[in-house]
């Protein structure tokens, strides 16, 4: 944190300006937003649910918090119209995505859209590198075999 004082010629009273490192300010904002003892869930999305992509409308009533990046323990695979996120602690990448605050109704809708009851995806905890939050963040992990799917890089870019 840096503190600067400026003086205006009109009244010669000092004005204090406080500057925080951006990552600390973002972290503090996210903790303020994400930490209330309510039933909202923090969700990391990395594919078709991102803003500007084909399923973004399912998050229209939810709160976008920020772009986010995982630790390098995950991999994306190409399922054709959508990506598959899996855990990969050996050859993993930092996956780019978005962090959302989702209410219980929105979470139930996302579970349906992502095929949780059909065991296509499972909602599990994910570890983010940026932004740093102390709350649990969840993501949808692909449950089927990815051994024959093409591996993607660190982000999904196809806006189908």
Protein backbone atom coordinates (compact mmCIF):
# COMPACT_ATOMS: atom_id res chain seq x y z
CA UNK A 1 0.00 0.00 0.00
CA UNK A 2 1.24 3.48 -0.85
CA UNK A 3 -0.15 6.71 0.57
CA UNK A 4 0.19 9.98 -1.28
CA UNK A 5 -0.90 13.43 -0.16
CA UNK A 6 -1.89 16.16 -2.58
CA UNK A 7 -2.72 19.76 -1.86
CA UNK A 8 -5.19 21.91 -3.71
CA UNK A 9 -4.37 25.57 -4.18
CA UNK A 10 -7.88 26.65 -3.22
CA UNK A 11 -7.86 25.61 0.42
CA UNK A 12 -4.36 24.17 0.99
CA UNK A 13 -5.84 21.17 2.83
CA UNK A 14 -4.18 17.83 2.13
CA UNK A 15 -6.11 15.10 0.39
CA UNK A 16 -4.98 11.55 1.06
CA UNK A 17 -4.87 9.04 -1.81
CA UNK A 18 -4.32 5.39 -0.95
CA UNK A 19 -3.11 2.98 -3.63
CA UNK A 20 -3.23 -0.79 -3.19
CA UNK A 21 -1.55 -3.40 -5.33
CA UNK A 22 -4.31 -4.51 -7.78
CA UNK A 23 -4.18 -8.17 -6.74
CA UNK A 24 -4.70 -7.24 -3.07
CA UNK A 25 -7.58 -4.94 -3.89
CA UNK A 26 -9.21 -7.61 -6.07
CA UNK A 27 -8.74 -10.21 -3.36
CA UNK A 28 -10.33 -7.93 -0.77
CA UNK A 29 -13.27 -7.20 -3.07
CA UNK A 30 -13.82 -10.88 -3.79
CA UNK A 31 -13.72 -11.74 -0.11
CA UNK A 32 -16.29 -9.05 0.57
CA UNK A 33 -18.50 -10.32 -2.23
CA UNK A 34 -17.95 -14.02 -1.79
CA UNK A 35 -17.71 -14.52 1.93
CA UNK A 36 -21.21 -13.71 3.27
CA UNK A 37 -22.78 -16.61 5.11
CA UNK A 38 -25.35 -17.23 2.43
CA UNK A 39 -26.10 -20.07 0.07
CA UNK A 40 -24.28 -18.72 -2.98
CA UNK A 41 -21.55 -20.81 -4.62
CA UNK A 42 -18.42 -19.63 -6.40
CA UNK A 43 -18.15 -21.34 -9.79
CA UNK A 44 -15.19 -21.35 -12.18
CA UNK A 45 -16.37 -21.68 -15.80
CA UNK A 46 -13.94 -22.38 -18.64
CA UNK A 47 -15.96 -23.18 -21.77
CA UNK A 48 -19.39 -22.61 -23.25
CA UNK A 49 -20.69 -20.88 -20.08
CA UNK A 50 -18.18 -18.01 -20.39
CA UNK A 51 -19.40 -14.56 -21.39
CA UNK A 52 -19.85 -14.33 -25.16
CA UNK A 53 -20.16 -18.09 -25.62
CA UNK A 54 -23.21 -20.16 -26.58
CA UNK A 55 -24.39 -21.04 -23.04
CA UNK A 56 -23.59 -17.73 -21.34
CA UNK A 57 -27.31 -17.00 -21.01
CA UNK A 58 -27.53 -19.62 -18.24
CA UNK A 59 -25.48 -17.25 -16.06
CA UNK A 60 -27.39 -14.10 -17.04
CA UNK A 61 -28.99 -13.68 -13.58
CA UNK A 62 -25.78 -14.46 -11.69
CA UNK A 63 -22.86 -12.27 -10.62
CA UNK A 64 -19.68 -12.22 -12.69
CA UNK A 65 -16.71 -11.58 -10.40
CA UNK A 66 -13.59 -11.70 -12.54
CA UNK A 67 -11.46 -13.54 -15.06
CA UNK A 68 -9.59 -16.33 -13.29
CA UNK A 69 -6.71 -18.77 -13.76
CA UNK A 70 -6.25 -22.19 -12.19
CA UNK A 71 -3.08 -23.63 -10.74
CA UNK A 72 -1.29 -25.91 -13.29
CA UNK A 73 -3.03 -29.14 -12.28
CA UNK A 74 -5.74 -29.37 -14.94
CA UNK A 75 -6.19 -30.16 -18.63
CA UNK A 76 -8.81 -29.36 -21.26
CA UNK A 77 -9.90 -31.80 -23.95
CA UNK A 78 -12.00 -31.18 -27.06
CA UNK A 79 -15.37 -32.95 -27.05
CA UNK A 80 -16.44 -31.22 -30.27
CA UNK A 81 -19.02 -28.64 -29.21
CA UNK A 82 -17.71 -28.24 -25.66
CA UNK A 83 -14.54 -28.72 -23.62
CA UNK A 84 -13.81 -31.32 -20.96
CA UNK A 85 -11.91 -30.31 -17.83
CA UNK A 86 -9.99 -33.05 -15.99
CA UNK A 87 -7.42 -33.14 -13.21
CA UNK A 88 -3.85 -33.64 -14.44
CA UNK A 89 -1.09 -33.18 -11.88
CA UNK A 90 1.64 -34.44 -14.24
CA UNK A 91 1.18 -32.50 -17.49
CA UNK A 92 -1.41 -30.00 -16.30
CA UNK A 93 -1.89 -26.45 -17.49
CA UNK A 94 -3.16 -23.24 -15.99
CA UNK A 95 -6.70 -23.02 -17.37
CA UNK A 96 -8.19 -19.62 -18.19
CA UNK A 97 -11.80 -19.02 -17.25
CA UNK A 98 -14.19 -16.86 -15.27
CA UNK A 99 -15.29 -16.73 -11.66
CA UNK A 100 -19.02 -16.40 -10.93
CA UNK A 101 -21.14 -16.13 -7.78
CA UNK A 102 -24.19 -18.32 -8.34
CA UNK A 103 -27.39 -18.57 -6.30
CA UNK A 104 -29.01 -21.96 -5.47
CA UNK A 105 -31.52 -21.77 -8.34
CA UNK A 106 -28.75 -20.93 -10.80
CA UNK A 107 -26.62 -23.76 -9.45
CA UNK A 108 -29.45 -26.26 -9.94
CA UNK A 109 -29.85 -25.02 -13.52
CA UNK A 110 -26.11 -25.31 -14.19
CA UNK A 111 -26.07 -28.85 -12.77
CA UNK A 112 -28.85 -29.72 -15.22
CA UNK A 113 -27.15 -28.01 -18.19
CA UNK A 114 -23.82 -29.71 -17.42
CA UNK A 115 -25.37 -33.18 -17.17
CA UNK A 116 -24.55 -33.86 -13.52
CA UNK A 117 -27.45 -36.30 -13.10
CA UNK A 118 -26.36 -38.10 -16.30
CA UNK A 119 -22.83 -38.35 -14.87
CA UNK A 120 -21.33 -36.38 -17.74
CA UNK A 121 -19.79 -33.81 -15.36
CA UNK A 122 -19.35 -33.58 -11.59
CA UNK A 123 -19.14 -30.33 -9.66
CA UNK A 124 -16.00 -30.41 -7.49
CA UNK A 125 -13.56 -28.00 -5.84
CA UNK A 126 -10.91 -26.41 -8.03
CA UNK A 127 -7.80 -24.49 -7.02
CA UNK A 128 -7.34 -21.04 -8.52
CA UNK A 129 -4.10 -19.17 -8.87
CA UNK A 130 -5.62 -15.85 -9.77
CA UNK A 131 -7.54 -14.16 -8.34
CA UNK A 132 -6.73 -15.41 -4.86
CA UNK A 133 -9.83 -16.18 -2.84
CA UNK A 134 -10.07 -17.93 0.47
CA UNK A 135 -13.50 -19.38 -0.26
CA UNK A 136 -14.10 -22.74 -1.92
CA UNK A 137 -14.49 -22.49 -5.69
CA UNK A 138 -16.12 -25.24 -7.71
CA UNK A 139 -15.97 -26.26 -11.36
CA UNK A 140 -17.52 -28.92 -13.57
CA UNK A 141 -15.14 -31.83 -14.18
CA UNK A 142 -15.67 -34.24 -17.07
CA UNK A 143 -16.32 -37.83 -15.94
CA UNK A 144 -15.93 -39.77 -19.17
CA UNK A 145 -12.80 -41.17 -20.81
CA UNK A 146 -10.64 -38.51 -22.50
CA UNK A 147 -7.89 -40.80 -23.79
CA UNK A 148 -9.05 -40.48 -27.43
CA UNK A 149 -9.97 -36.81 -27.32
CA UNK A 150 -7.66 -34.09 -28.65
CA UNK A 151 -5.98 -32.11 -25.91
CA UNK A 152 -6.61 -28.37 -25.94
CA UNK A 153 -4.26 -25.69 -24.69
CA UNK A 154 -5.02 -23.52 -21.70
CA UNK A 155 -8.41 -22.16 -22.84
CA UNK A 156 -11.56 -22.86 -24.83
CA UNK A 157 -11.96 -20.41 -27.71
CA UNK A 158 -14.65 -21.94 -29.91
CA UNK A 159 -17.84 -19.88 -29.72
CA UNK A 160 -20.30 -22.42 -31.16
